[in-house]
Amino acid sequence: MSYVSLLRSRYATRLLVGTLVGRLPSAMAAVAIPLALRNAGASYGFVGLAVGAFAIAAAVAGPLLGRLVDRVGQPLVLLWTAVLAGCGFLVIAAAPDRQAAVVGGAILAGAATPPLEPCLRALWPEVVDAGKLESAYALDSASQQLIFVGGPLIVAGCVALASPVGALWAAALLGVVGVLVVATAAPTRAWRAPARQADWLGPMRSHGLVVLLISLTGVGVGIGTLNVVVVAYAEEHRLPGGAPTLLALNALGALVGGLVYGAVRRWPVPPARRTLLLTGGLTLGYALLCLLPVPPLMSCLMLLTGLFLAPVLTVSFVMVGELAPTGTVTEAFAWLVTLMTSGSALGSAVAGWVLEQSGPTWAAACGVLGLASSVLILLAGQSRLAADQRAAGGASAVSTV
């Protein structure tokens, strides 16, 4: 289908752009916080502690904020979290030489990260026609790459024009601006989750959803591993532009893969099987990375792995939306973000240790193991995923009669 037609859907462009802007602070934080702390004389150990506190706080709080959105709606949660996260960044900017303030600010900024990503995915069914929904998810997953490229570039610009602290101010401002664009849109203000069953498990009542989310943790492990391996590879081969060049190629591949996937109107393979096949393709691409070929071939492999990544995420978004029990869709998408982020952190940590002990080939193999576990989980859970999806489709059809 035409993405121009999709973006012409009322509010689609506004919500997508606002979400991308509002999510820039998360990508900026990974660069801006270390630069600001190092500029203030902090040790690398403390820098790692602060960045880790930000990431862990965001991962833990994400599902809780998603559940809150499902209960009270989107605007209130988005606006308050944007303000609180901005305050966290400003605390770090005001006192980068005070460890207690930095850790507190990092925890506040991470825990209050506005849940724009799950909120947008909950809104897509309200904004676009059912026939355009998978294309909307594809555009969503593909456009994420702009965040990971744009965030560090904005930080670099702030450092060049002002200072690392200026990047933290910019992160606080962009977060508020993006949230205001999304939170004041009519679909956001009108959206309400259906009444949910009183159950503390929330979306985890769906066994099929649990299978899918656990499998995506392995995808996160692969991504985290790749981030470490490319640094070592770029240093060894003295690659022009260093690791960012390879990561940019990976992001480009994901952008193209997502757009191509979403342009297909109808797939002959059902979503559960499609997820398995695409994850298998992603695993094969990561397995080839273990060869650590010469830079031209490595560049092609980075594009290849990216081509599979966005389609894996797209079909996963579709399935999460279908498998989430009534009234839990935002929390379900928040769990997806949390588990993939946790998997990425685990992959980076393990790959870093293995890299020091055994070299880049074995470090790259860690990513393959993570993705292979995803394939095995999806393979073992195919019948459950298919059954739960059929049941969800039937329930949806009944509810619309």
Protein backbone atom coordinates (compact mmCIF):
# COMPACT_ATOMS: atom_id res chain seq x y z
CA MET A 1 0.00 0.00 0.00
CA SER A 2 1.01 3.66 -0.34
CA TYR A 3 2.61 5.16 2.75
CA VAL A 4 1.51 8.56 1.46
CA SER A 5 -2.08 7.36 1.77
CA LEU A 6 -1.38 6.09 5.28
CA LEU A 7 0.19 9.35 6.39
CA ARG A 8 -2.79 11.25 4.98
CA SER A 9 -5.01 9.47 7.49
CA ARG A 10 -6.16 12.09 9.95
CA TYR A 11 -3.73 12.47 12.88
CA ALA A 12 -1.39 9.70 11.63
CA THR A 13 1.49 12.03 10.74
CA ARG A 14 1.00 14.15 13.84
CA LEU A 15 1.06 11.18 16.20
CA LEU A 16 4.03 9.51 14.49
CA VAL A 17 6.17 12.66 14.37
CA GLY A 18 5.22 13.71 17.91
CA THR A 19 6.13 10.25 19.21
CA LEU A 20 9.49 10.29 17.43
CA VAL A 21 10.35 13.71 18.85
CA GLY A 22 9.20 12.76 22.34
CA ARG A 23 11.32 9.60 22.29
CA LEU A 24 14.53 11.37 21.25
CA PRO A 25 15.56 11.99 24.90
CA SER A 26 15.95 8.25 25.50
CA ALA A 27 18.41 7.97 22.60
CA MET A 28 20.13 11.19 23.64
CA ALA A 29 20.54 10.08 27.26
CA ALA A 30 22.88 7.22 26.35
CA VAL A 31 25.33 9.80 24.95
CA ALA A 32 24.49 13.04 26.77
CA ILE A 33 24.71 11.68 30.33
CA PRO A 34 28.20 10.14 29.89
CA LEU A 35 29.51 13.27 28.15
CA ALA A 36 28.14 15.60 30.83
CA LEU A 37 29.54 13.46 33.65
CA ARG A 38 32.96 13.04 32.05
CA ASN A 39 33.08 16.79 31.44
CA ALA A 40 32.51 17.22 35.19
CA GLY A 41 35.36 14.83 36.01
CA ALA A 42 33.38 11.69 36.83
CA SER A 43 35.03 8.27 36.57
CA TYR A 44 33.98 5.75 33.95
CA GLY A 45 32.71 3.53 36.74
CA PHE A 46 30.29 6.19 37.93
CA VAL A 47 29.27 7.00 34.36
CA GLY A 48 28.29 3.35 33.90
CA LEU A 49 26.36 3.42 37.17
CA ALA A 50 24.38 6.50 36.15
CA VAL A 51 23.54 5.22 32.66
CA GLY A 52 22.63 1.83 34.12
CA ALA A 53 20.34 3.47 36.69
CA PHE A 54 18.55 5.33 33.88
CA ALA A 55 18.06 2.16 31.80
CA ILE A 56 16.96 -0.06 34.69
CA ALA A 57 14.50 2.54 36.00
CA ALA A 58 12.95 2.87 32.53
CA ALA A 59 12.68 -0.91 32.13
CA VAL A 60 11.06 -1.44 35.54
CA ALA A 61 8.63 1.48 35.34
CA GLY A 62 7.51 0.91 31.73
CA PRO A 63 4.88 -1.79 32.39
CA LEU A 64 3.62 0.08 35.47
CA LEU A 65 3.08 3.23 33.40
CA GLY A 66 1.43 1.12 30.70
CA ARG A 67 -1.01 -0.28 33.26
CA LEU A 68 -1.70 3.23 34.53
CA VAL A 69 -2.48 4.39 30.97
CA ASP A 70 -4.93 1.51 30.56
CA ARG A 71 -6.69 2.65 33.74
CA VAL A 72 -6.76 6.47 33.47
CA GLY A 73 -6.10 7.24 29.80
CA GLN A 74 -3.12 8.61 27.90
CA PRO A 75 -2.92 12.44 28.26
CA LEU A 76 -2.59 12.62 32.05
CA VAL A 77 0.15 9.98 32.23
CA LEU A 78 2.05 11.35 29.23
CA LEU A 79 2.05 14.96 30.46
CA TRP A 80 3.10 14.20 34.03
CA THR A 81 5.84 11.79 32.99
CA ALA A 82 7.21 14.30 30.47
CA VAL A 83 7.49 16.93 33.19
CA LEU A 84 9.06 14.53 35.69
CA ALA A 85 11.52 13.08 33.17
CA GLY A 86 12.51 16.62 32.14
CA CYS A 87 13.13 17.48 35.79
CA GLY A 88 15.38 14.40 36.06
CA PHE A 89 17.50 15.57 33.13
CA LEU A 90 17.70 19.09 34.57
CA VAL A 91 18.85 17.77 37.95
CA ILE A 92 21.78 16.07 36.23
CA ALA A 93 22.48 19.21 34.20
CA ALA A 94 22.46 21.38 37.33
CA ALA A 95 24.76 19.18 39.40
CA PRO A 96 26.82 16.82 37.22
CA ASP A 97 29.55 16.78 39.88
CA ARG A 98 27.26 15.58 42.70
CA GLN A 99 26.87 11.83 42.59
CA ALA A 100 23.70 11.58 44.68
CA ALA A 101 21.94 14.19 42.53
CA VAL A 102 23.07 12.52 39.31
CA VAL A 103 21.86 9.06 40.34
CA GLY A 104 18.57 10.48 41.60
CA GLY A 105 18.08 12.48 38.41
CA ALA A 106 18.92 9.47 36.24
CA ILE A 107 16.43 7.26 38.10
CA LEU A 108 13.73 9.94 37.85
CA ALA A 109 14.37 10.57 34.14
CA GLY A 110 14.37 6.83 33.39
CA ALA A 111 11.37 5.84 35.51
CA ALA A 112 9.30 8.74 34.16
CA THR A 113 10.13 8.11 30.50
CA PRO A 114 6.80 8.92 28.79
CA PRO A 115 5.22 5.70 27.46
CA LEU A 116 4.86 7.15 23.97
CA GLU A 117 5.85 3.95 22.20
CA PRO A 118 3.13 1.70 23.70
CA CYS A 119 0.61 4.56 23.56
CA LEU A 120 1.09 5.03 19.82
CA ARG A 121 0.69 1.31 19.17
CA ALA A 122 -2.52 1.30 21.18
CA LEU A 123 -3.75 4.26 19.09
CA TRP A 124 -3.02 2.91 15.61
CA PRO A 125 -6.23 0.81 15.41
CA GLU A 126 -8.20 3.99 16.19
CA VAL A 127 -6.37 6.16 13.64
CA VAL A 128 -6.07 3.97 10.54
CA ASP A 129 -8.40 1.53 8.81
CA ALA A 130 -8.02 -2.15 9.67
CA GLY A 131 -6.54 -2.83 6.23
CA LYS A 132 -3.77 -0.31 6.87
CA LEU A 133 -2.94 -1.41 10.42
CA GLU A 134 0.00 -3.69 9.64
CA SER A 135 1.46 -1.03 7.32
CA ALA A 136 1.14 1.49 10.16
CA TYR A 137 3.05 -0.85 12.47
CA ALA A 138 5.68 -1.33 9.75
CA LEU A 139 6.13 2.42 9.33
CA ASP A 140 6.29 2.72 13.12
CA SER A 141 9.03 0.08 13.50
CA ALA A 142 11.00 1.39 10.51
CA SER A 143 10.89 5.03 11.62
CA GLN A 144 12.35 4.10 15.01
CA GLN A 145 15.73 4.03 13.34
CA LEU A 146 15.51 7.82 12.93
CA ILE A 147 15.54 8.12 16.73
CA PHE A 148 18.74 6.12 17.14
CA VAL A 149 20.47 8.13 14.42
CA GLY A 150 18.99 11.53 15.27
CA GLY A 151 19.44 11.41 19.04
CA PRO A 152 23.26 11.16 19.04
CA LEU A 153 23.48 13.74 16.21
CA ILE A 154 21.47 16.25 18.27
CA VAL A 155 23.80 15.64 21.21
CA ALA A 156 26.81 16.22 18.97
CA GLY A 157 25.29 19.49 17.76
CA CYS A 158 24.58 20.64 21.33
CA VAL A 159 28.14 19.84 22.38
CA ALA A 160 29.55 21.75 19.41
CA LEU A 161 27.34 24.80 19.97
CA ALA A 162 27.22 24.85 23.76
CA SER A 163 28.24 21.98 26.08
CA PRO A 164 27.24 18.43 27.10
CA VAL A 165 24.98 19.96 29.76
CA GLY A 166 23.18 21.79 26.96
CA ALA A 167 22.27 18.39 25.48
CA LEU A 168 20.49 17.48 28.72
CA TRP A 169 18.46 20.70 28.53
CA ALA A 170 17.59 19.87 24.93
CA ALA A 171 16.49 16.37 25.96
CA ALA A 172 14.17 17.79 28.61
CA LEU A 173 12.68 20.25 26.12
CA LEU A 174 12.21 17.75 23.28
CA GLY A 175 10.49 15.30 25.59
CA VAL A 176 7.90 17.88 26.63
CA VAL A 177 7.37 19.15 23.08
CA GLY A 178 6.84 15.66 21.67
CA VAL A 179 4.40 14.71 24.43
CA LEU A 180 2.41 17.93 23.96
CA VAL A 181 2.01 17.16 20.26
CA VAL A 182 0.70 13.66 21.02
CA ALA A 183 -1.27 14.29 24.22
CA THR A 184 -3.32 17.16 22.76
CA ALA A 185 -4.40 15.19 19.66
CA ALA A 186 -8.06 14.23 19.59
CA PRO A 187 -7.50 10.44 19.31
CA THR A 188 -5.21 10.53 22.36
CA ARG A 189 -7.73 12.47 24.42
CA ALA A 190 -10.59 10.22 23.34
CA TRP A 191 -8.82 6.87 23.76
CA ARG A 192 -9.96 4.68 26.64
CA ALA A 193 -9.06 1.07 27.27
CA PRO A 194 -12.04 -1.29 27.57
CA ALA A 195 -12.89 -2.53 31.06
CA ARG A 196 -10.42 -5.17 32.12
CA GLN A 197 -10.71 -8.24 34.29
CA ALA A 198 -9.58 -7.61 37.87
CA ASP A 199 -6.38 -9.63 37.74
CA TRP A 200 -2.90 -8.52 38.78
CA LEU A 201 -1.40 -10.56 35.94
CA GLY A 202 -2.81 -8.12 33.38
CA PRO A 203 -1.65 -9.01 29.85
CA MET A 204 0.35 -11.95 31.18
CA ARG A 205 -2.94 -13.89 31.43
CA SER A 206 -2.42 -14.64 27.73
CA HIS A 207 -0.08 -17.63 27.43
CA GLY A 208 0.51 -16.91 23.76
CA LEU A 209 1.52 -13.35 24.56
CA VAL A 210 3.98 -14.60 27.19
CA VAL A 211 5.57 -16.91 24.61
CA LEU A 212 5.92 -14.04 22.14
CA LEU A 213 7.35 -11.58 24.67
CA ILE A 214 9.92 -14.05 26.00
CA SER A 215 11.04 -14.78 22.45
CA LEU A 216 11.55 -11.06 21.85
CA THR A 217 13.90 -10.93 24.82
CA GLY A 218 16.25 -13.10 22.75
CA VAL A 219 15.98 -10.61 19.88
CA GLY A 220 17.02 -7.92 22.35
CA VAL A 221 20.05 -10.02 23.33
CA GLY A 222 21.09 -10.11 19.68
CA ILE A 223 20.79 -6.33 19.33
CA GLY A 224 22.80 -5.69 22.50
CA THR A 225 25.51 -8.08 21.37
CA LEU A 226 25.77 -6.38 18.00
CA ASN A 227 26.30 -2.97 19.63
CA VAL A 228 29.41 -4.28 21.39
CA VAL A 229 30.84 -6.42 18.59
CA VAL A 230 30.80 -3.61 16.01
CA VAL A 231 32.87 -1.39 18.31
CA ALA A 232 35.62 -4.00 18.51
CA TYR A 233 35.37 -4.72 14.77
CA ALA A 234 35.62 -1.04 13.82
CA GLU A 235 38.66 -0.56 16.05
CA GLU A 236 40.44 -3.62 14.65
CA HIS A 237 39.81 -2.66 11.02
CA ARG A 238 40.21 1.10 11.58
CA LEU A 239 36.92 1.63 9.81
CA PRO A 240 36.24 5.21 8.65
CA GLY A 241 33.54 6.63 10.89
CA GLY A 242 34.03 3.77 13.36
CA ALA A 243 31.19 1.73 14.84
CA PRO A 244 28.54 4.41 14.12
CA THR A 245 29.04 3.75 10.40
CA LEU A 246 28.14 0.08 10.78
CA LEU A 247 25.24 0.83 13.12
CA ALA A 248 23.93 3.41 10.67
CA LEU A 249 23.97 0.76 7.91
CA ASN A 250 22.07 -1.57 10.21
CA ALA A 251 19.52 1.17 10.88
CA LEU A 252 19.22 1.84 7.14
CA GLY A 253 18.57 -1.85 6.53
CA ALA A 254 15.85 -1.84 9.20
CA LEU A 255 14.26 1.25 7.67
CA VAL A 256 14.16 -0.33 4.21
CA GLY A 257 13.05 -3.72 5.53
CA GLY A 258 10.19 -2.23 7.50
CA LEU A 259 8.93 -0.16 4.59
CA VAL A 260 9.14 -3.06 2.13
CA TYR A 261 7.38 -5.40 4.54
CA GLY A 262 4.56 -2.93 5.17
CA ALA A 263 4.06 -2.35 1.44
CA VAL A 264 2.87 -5.96 0.98
CA ARG A 265 -0.91 -5.94 1.13
CA ARG A 266 -1.53 -9.54 2.09
CA TRP A 267 0.82 -12.24 3.37
CA PRO A 268 0.04 -15.90 2.61
CA VAL A 269 1.62 -17.02 5.88
CA PRO A 270 -0.24 -16.47 9.20
CA PRO A 271 1.39 -14.12 11.76
CA ALA A 272 2.58 -16.84 14.17
CA ARG A 273 4.44 -18.70 11.42
CA ARG A 274 5.61 -15.43 9.88
CA THR A 275 7.21 -14.41 13.20
CA LEU A 276 9.07 -17.72 13.34
CA LEU A 277 10.35 -17.47 9.74
CA LEU A 278 11.46 -13.84 10.04
CA THR A 279 13.23 -14.50 13.34
CA GLY A 280 14.95 -17.45 11.68
CA GLY A 281 16.16 -15.14 8.90
CA LEU A 282 17.43 -12.65 11.47
CA THR A 283 19.27 -15.47 13.26
CA LEU A 284 20.93 -16.56 10.01
CA GLY A 285 22.13 -13.00 9.38
CA TYR A 286 23.65 -12.80 12.85
CA ALA A 287 25.30 -16.19 12.36
CA LEU A 288 27.06 -14.85 9.26
CA LEU A 289 28.32 -11.91 11.34
CA CYS A 290 30.41 -14.41 13.34
CA LEU A 291 32.62 -14.74 10.26
CA LEU A 292 33.71 -11.10 10.79
CA PRO A 293 34.47 -10.67 7.07
CA VAL A 294 36.31 -7.78 5.42
CA PRO A 295 34.61 -4.37 5.78
CA PRO A 296 32.71 -4.36 2.44
CA LEU A 297 31.11 -7.72 3.22
CA MET A 298 30.55 -6.75 6.85
CA SER A 299 28.69 -3.68 5.64
CA CYS A 300 26.42 -5.89 3.54
CA LEU A 301 25.75 -8.15 6.52
CA MET A 302 24.82 -5.15 8.66
CA LEU A 303 22.27 -4.17 6.03
CA LEU A 304 20.98 -7.76 5.90
CA THR A 305 20.41 -8.06 9.64
CA GLY A 306 18.60 -4.72 9.61
CA LEU A 307 16.33 -5.88 6.77
CA PHE A 308 14.94 -8.66 8.96
CA LEU A 309 14.74 -6.72 12.22
CA ALA A 310 11.95 -4.27 11.40
CA PRO A 311 9.64 -6.95 9.91
CA VAL A 312 10.14 -9.09 13.05
CA LEU A 313 9.06 -6.14 15.17
CA THR A 314 6.15 -5.28 12.87
CA VAL A 315 4.52 -8.69 12.96
CA SER A 316 5.20 -8.82 16.72
CA PHE A 317 3.30 -5.53 17.16
CA VAL A 318 0.35 -7.01 15.29
CA MET A 319 0.35 -10.11 17.47
CA VAL A 320 0.72 -8.18 20.74
CA GLY A 321 -2.28 -6.06 19.80
CA GLU A 322 -4.32 -9.19 19.08
CA LEU A 323 -3.15 -11.36 21.98
CA ALA A 324 -3.38 -8.76 24.77
CA PRO A 325 -6.45 -9.44 26.95
CA THR A 326 -9.16 -6.79 26.90
CA GLY A 327 -8.11 -3.55 28.57
CA THR A 328 -4.38 -4.38 28.78
CA VAL A 329 -3.02 -3.43 25.35
CA THR A 330 -0.85 -0.49 26.48
CA GLU A 331 0.70 -2.51 29.28
CA ALA A 332 1.32 -5.38 26.85
CA PHE A 333 3.23 -3.09 24.48
CA ALA A 334 5.12 -1.65 27.46
CA TRP A 335 6.22 -5.18 28.43
CA LEU A 336 7.49 -5.65 24.89
CA VAL A 337 9.68 -2.55 25.23
CA THR A 338 10.88 -3.58 28.69
CA LEU A 339 11.82 -7.14 27.79
CA MET A 340 13.60 -6.16 24.59
CA THR A 341 15.51 -3.43 26.44
CA SER A 342 16.44 -5.87 29.21
CA GLY A 343 17.57 -8.43 26.64
CA SER A 344 19.68 -5.79 24.93
CA ALA A 345 21.34 -4.82 28.22
CA LEU A 346 22.03 -8.49 28.98
CA GLY A 347 23.45 -9.06 25.51
CA SER A 348 25.77 -6.06 25.80
CA ALA A 349 27.04 -7.14 29.23
CA VAL A 350 27.66 -10.76 28.26
CA ALA A 351 29.20 -9.86 24.90
CA GLY A 352 31.54 -7.37 26.56
CA TRP A 353 32.80 -10.01 28.99
CA VAL A 354 33.16 -12.69 26.29
CA LEU A 355 34.93 -10.19 24.03
CA GLU A 356 37.62 -9.63 26.64
CA GLN A 357 37.99 -13.34 27.35
CA SER A 358 37.70 -14.97 23.94
CA GLY A 359 37.55 -12.34 21.19
CA PRO A 360 34.91 -10.91 18.83
CA THR A 361 33.91 -14.15 17.10
CA TRP A 362 32.67 -15.72 20.33
CA ALA A 363 31.12 -12.42 21.39
CA ALA A 364 29.13 -12.39 18.13
CA ALA A 365 28.10 -15.98 18.82
CA CYS A 366 26.35 -14.76 21.98
CA GLY A 367 23.91 -12.85 19.79
CA VAL A 368 23.30 -15.93 17.67
CA LEU A 369 22.54 -17.96 20.81
CA GLY A 370 20.07 -15.32 21.97
CA LEU A 371 18.27 -15.32 18.64
CA ALA A 372 18.39 -19.11 18.36
CA SER A 373 16.64 -19.30 21.72
CA SER A 374 13.95 -17.01 20.29
CA VAL A 375 13.47 -19.37 17.34
CA LEU A 376 13.20 -22.39 19.64
CA ILE A 377 10.68 -20.64 21.90
CA LEU A 378 8.55 -19.64 18.91
CA LEU A 379 8.81 -23.14 17.45
CA ALA A 380 7.73 -24.76 20.71
CA GLY A 381 4.93 -22.24 21.18
CA GLN A 382 3.51 -22.26 17.63
CA SER A 383 0.36 -24.15 18.55
CA ARG A 384 -0.31 -21.92 21.57
CA LEU A 385 0.30 -18.73 19.57
CA ALA A 386 -1.94 -19.85 16.72
CA ALA A 387 -4.73 -20.99 19.07
CA ASP A 388 -4.66 -17.80 21.15
CA GLN A 389 -4.65 -15.68 18.02
CA ARG A 390 -7.65 -17.53 16.60
CA ALA A 391 -9.46 -17.09 19.90
CA ALA A 392 -8.59 -13.38 19.97
CA GLY A 393 -9.82 -12.98 16.40
CA GLY A 394 -13.06 -14.68 17.25
CA ALA A 395 -13.58 -12.55 20.34
CA SER A 396 -12.89 -9.44 18.30
CA ALA A 397 -15.43 -10.45 15.69
CA VAL A 398 -18.08 -11.05 18.35
CA SER A 399 -17.37 -7.73 20.04
CA THR A 400 -17.88 -5.81 16.80
CA VAL A 401 -21.28 -7.35 16.00
